[in-house]
Every structure is written in structure tokens, then in C-alpha cells.
C-alpha atoms as a PDB file:
ATOM      1  CA  UNK A   1     110.894 136.251  89.701  1.00  0.00           C
ATOM      2  CA  UNK A   2     113.634 137.855  87.791  1.00  0.00           C
ATOM      3  CA  UNK A   3     112.083 139.225  84.978  1.00  0.00           C
ATOM      4  CA  UNK A   4     114.524 140.535  82.276  1.00  0.00           C
ATOM      5  CA  UNK A   5     112.140 143.751  81.500  1.00  0.00           C
ATOM      6  CA  UNK A   6     112.174 144.666  85.025  1.00  0.00           C
ATOM      7  CA  UNK A   7     115.880 144.105  85.093  1.00  0.00           C
ATOM      8  CA  UNK A   8     116.817 146.064  82.227  1.00  0.00           C
ATOM      9  CA  UNK A   9     114.286 148.776  83.771  1.00  0.00           C
ATOM     10  CA  UNK A  10     116.046 148.983  87.042  1.00  0.00           C
ATOM     11  CA  UNK A  11     119.735 148.755  85.750  1.00  0.00           C
ATOM     12  CA  UNK A  12     118.627 152.003  83.336  1.00  0.00           C
ATOM     13  CA  UNK A  13     117.082 153.825  86.266  1.00  0.00           C
ATOM     14  CA  UNK A  14     120.208 153.124  88.390  1.00  0.00           C
ATOM     15  CA  UNK A  15     122.521 154.341  85.770  1.00  0.00           C
ATOM     16  CA  UNK A  16     120.617 157.169  85.494  1.00  0.00           C
ATOM     17  CA  UNK A  17     120.607 158.221  89.018  1.00  0.00           C
ATOM     18  CA  UNK A  18     124.152 157.727  89.352  1.00  0.00           C
ATOM     19  CA  UNK A  19     125.260 159.843  86.304  1.00  0.00           C
ATOM     20  CA  UNK A  20     122.768 162.465  87.316  1.00  0.00           C
ATOM     21  CA  UNK A  21     124.496 162.344  90.451  1.00  0.00           C
ATOM     22  CA  UNK A  22     127.536 162.710  89.359  1.00  0.00           C
ATOM     23  CA  UNK A  23     126.436 165.536  87.374  1.00  0.00           C
ATOM     24  CA  UNK A  24     125.246 167.584  90.137  1.00  0.00           C
ATOM     25  CA  UNK A  25     128.165 166.524  92.679  1.00  0.00           C
ATOM     26  CA  UNK A  26     130.058 168.973  91.711  1.00  0.00           C
ATOM     27  CA  UNK A  27     127.616 172.056  92.407  1.00  0.00           C
ATOM     28  CA  UNK A  28     126.819 170.073  96.058  1.00  0.00           C
ATOM     29  CA  UNK A  29     130.230 170.592  96.862  1.00  0.00           C
ATOM     30  CA  UNK A  30     131.315 173.774  95.566  1.00  0.00           C
ATOM     31  CA  UNK A  31     128.165 175.186  95.245  1.00  0.00           C
ATOM     32  CA  UNK A  32     126.739 177.804  97.519  1.00  0.00           C
ATOM     33  CA  UNK A  33     128.955 180.800  97.026  1.00  0.00           C
ATOM     34  CA  UNK A  34     132.430 178.538  97.920  1.00  0.00           C
ATOM     35  CA  UNK A  35     135.290 179.341  96.163  1.00  0.00           C
ATOM     36  CA  UNK A  36     136.326 176.147  93.402  1.00  0.00           C
ATOM     37  CA  UNK A  37     139.781 175.486  94.341  1.00  0.00           C
ATOM     38  CA  UNK A  38     142.450 176.135  92.204  1.00  0.00           C
ATOM     39  CA  UNK A  39     143.389 172.736  90.891  1.00  0.00           C
ATOM     40  CA  UNK A  40     139.571 172.263  90.113  1.00  0.00           C
ATOM     41  CA  UNK A  41     139.592 175.125  87.698  1.00  0.00           C
ATOM     42  CA  UNK A  42     142.664 174.076  86.278  1.00  0.00           C
ATOM     43  CA  UNK A  43     141.388 170.715  85.133  1.00  0.00           C
ATOM     44  CA  UNK A  44     138.494 172.061  83.834  1.00  0.00           C
ATOM     45  CA  UNK A  45     140.847 174.175  81.517  1.00  0.00           C
ATOM     46  CA  UNK A  46     143.285 171.269  80.488  1.00  0.00           C
ATOM     47  CA  UNK A  47     141.123 168.013  80.603  1.00  0.00           C
ATOM     48  CA  UNK A  48     139.042 168.751  77.585  1.00  0.00           C
ATOM     49  CA  UNK A  49     142.061 169.227  75.677  1.00  0.00           C
ATOM     50  CA  UNK A  50     143.883 165.902  77.278  1.00  0.00           C
ATOM     51  CA  UNK A  51     140.819 163.970  76.134  1.00  0.00           C
ATOM     52  CA  UNK A  52     141.160 164.979  72.653  1.00  0.00           C
ATOM     53  CA  UNK A  53     144.569 164.224  72.233  1.00  0.00           C
ATOM     54  CA  UNK A  54     143.952 161.110  73.871  1.00  0.00           C
ATOM     55  CA  UNK A  55     141.257 160.089  71.239  1.00  0.00           C
ATOM     56  CA  UNK A  56     143.276 161.212  68.653  1.00  0.00           C
ATOM     57  CA  UNK A  57     146.129 158.720  69.582  1.00  0.00           C
ATOM     58  CA  UNK A  58     143.260 156.180  69.835  1.00  0.00           C
ATOM     59  CA  UNK A  59     141.505 156.838  66.622  1.00  0.00           C
ATOM     60  CA  UNK A  60     145.419 156.702  64.964  1.00  0.00           C
ATOM     61  CA  UNK A  61     146.719 154.049  66.649  1.00  0.00           C
ATOM     62  CA  UNK A  62     146.334 151.433  64.081  1.00  0.00           C
ATOM     63  CA  UNK A  63     146.813 152.885  61.031  1.00  0.00           C
ATOM     64  CA  UNK A  64     149.179 150.447  58.131  1.00  0.00           C
ATOM     65  CA  UNK A  65     151.455 152.157  56.777  1.00  0.00           C
ATOM     66  CA  UNK A  66     152.065 149.248  54.617  1.00  0.00           C
ATOM     67  CA  UNK A  67     149.140 150.586  51.726  1.00  0.00           C
ATOM     68  CA  UNK A  68     147.879 153.840  50.554  1.00  0.00           C
ATOM     69  CA  UNK A  69     144.480 152.528  51.133  1.00  0.00           C
ATOM     70  CA  UNK A  70     145.613 151.976  55.112  1.00  0.00           C
ATOM     71  CA  UNK A  71     147.197 155.641  55.685  1.00  0.00           C
ATOM     72  CA  UNK A  72     145.207 157.889  53.336  1.00  0.00           C
ATOM     73  CA  UNK A  73     142.018 158.194  54.399  1.00  0.00           C
ATOM     74  CA  UNK A  74     142.842 158.992  58.291  1.00  0.00           C
ATOM     75  CA  UNK A  75     145.749 161.613  56.818  1.00  0.00           C
ATOM     76  CA  UNK A  76     143.188 163.218  54.578  1.00  0.00           C
ATOM     77  CA  UNK A  77     140.489 163.599  57.458  1.00  0.00           C
ATOM     78  CA  UNK A  78     143.048 164.297  60.180  1.00  0.00           C
ATOM     79  CA  UNK A  79     143.956 167.535  57.685  1.00  0.00           C
ATOM     80  CA  UNK A  80     140.615 168.462  56.605  1.00  0.00           C
ATOM     81  CA  UNK A  81     140.345 168.970  60.625  1.00  0.00           C
ATOM     82  CA  UNK A  82     143.495 170.614  61.293  1.00  0.00           C
ATOM     83  CA  UNK A  83     142.613 172.610  58.239  1.00  0.00           C
ATOM     84  CA  UNK A  84     138.875 173.685  59.453  1.00  0.00           C
ATOM     85  CA  UNK A  85     139.714 173.837  63.088  1.00  0.00           C
ATOM     86  CA  UNK A  86     142.230 176.278  61.888  1.00  0.00           C
ATOM     87  CA  UNK A  87     140.124 178.136  59.577  1.00  0.00           C
ATOM     88  CA  UNK A  88     136.645 178.294  61.511  1.00  0.00           C
ATOM     89  CA  UNK A  89     137.412 177.678  65.424  1.00  0.00           C
ATOM     90  CA  UNK A  90     134.660 175.007  65.490  1.00  0.00           C
ATOM     91  CA  UNK A  91     135.462 171.741  66.876  1.00  0.00           C
ATOM     92  CA  UNK A  92     131.734 170.248  65.911  1.00  0.00           C
ATOM     93  CA  UNK A  93     132.430 171.429  62.544  1.00  0.00           C
ATOM     94  CA  UNK A  94     135.586 169.980  62.064  1.00  0.00           C
ATOM     95  CA  UNK A  95     135.202 166.709  63.919  1.00  0.00           C
ATOM     96  CA  UNK A  96     132.231 165.999  62.058  1.00  0.00           C
ATOM     97  CA  UNK A  97     133.899 167.053  58.700  1.00  0.00           C
ATOM     98  CA  UNK A  98     136.676 164.951  59.409  1.00  0.00           C
ATOM     99  CA  UNK A  99     134.167 161.866  60.620  1.00  0.00           C
ATOM    100  CA  UNK A 100     132.221 161.923  57.696  1.00  0.00           C
ATOM    101  CA  UNK A 101     135.217 162.920  55.305  1.00  0.00           C
ATOM    102  CA  UNK A 102     137.039 159.699  56.549  1.00  0.00           C
ATOM    103  CA  UNK A 103     133.943 157.386  56.069  1.00  0.00           C
ATOM    104  CA  UNK A 104     133.460 158.690  52.326  1.00  0.00           C
ATOM    105  CA  UNK A 105     136.918 157.792  51.805  1.00  0.00           C
ATOM    106  CA  UNK A 106     137.121 154.205  53.296  1.00  0.00           C
ATOM    107  CA  UNK A 107     133.629 153.478  52.151  1.00  0.00           C
ATOM    108  CA  UNK A 108     134.011 155.103  48.491  1.00  0.00           C
ATOM    109  CA  UNK A 109     137.248 156.065  47.460  1.00  0.00           C
ATOM    110  CA  UNK A 110     139.861 153.807  48.895  1.00  0.00           C
ATOM    111  CA  UNK A 111     137.045 150.894  49.313  1.00  0.00           C
END
């Protein structure tokens, strides 16, 4: 009765519908020429930075300072991200280059 493929398809469809509904919700609530409340605009301006900060803390929380190979790849990648962001002001470039740098460091240099 409960086919695995049917269950998987229904799960994907429901997840997709909920995701689309959540994306359309702000337009339904604040659309139609209504002015967006100030706190919503404020959240829209500060949340991207808060999320990036939280991701940085999450990524750097388990660094081991006992050995050079425990902290150097992260330190080099973070320095590269900061330098690229200060120079180019392009988050995608900074994060992408930092990720590639980190992966090269842990796979080839500090392996």
C-alpha cells in the first residue's frame, strides 16, 4: 500500500509546496501597495550579516590550536576571505575562494 517511491514523491512535493508558500507569504502579507513595517525592513537589512556571522562561528568553533595543521588552514582561508572581501566587495568570490583555499590546504598542504 505504501510504496517507497510514492512516499518520496509526495514528500518532495509537500516540501516544495511549503517552500514556495513561505517564499510567497511576504508578498501576500505586505503586497498590494501596503507599506512594509519598519521592523521588517530592519530585519531585512541586518539578518544577512547576522547569518554570515553565525556561519563563521559555526565553521570556526572546532579549530584545534594544538597543532599547526589544526589552525593554519582555517586562519589562511579566513585571511583570504577578509582580503578578497575588502578588495573586491564580492561575497560569492570571497566565500568561494576561501572554501577552495581551505580544501586545498587540508587535502594537499597540511594532509
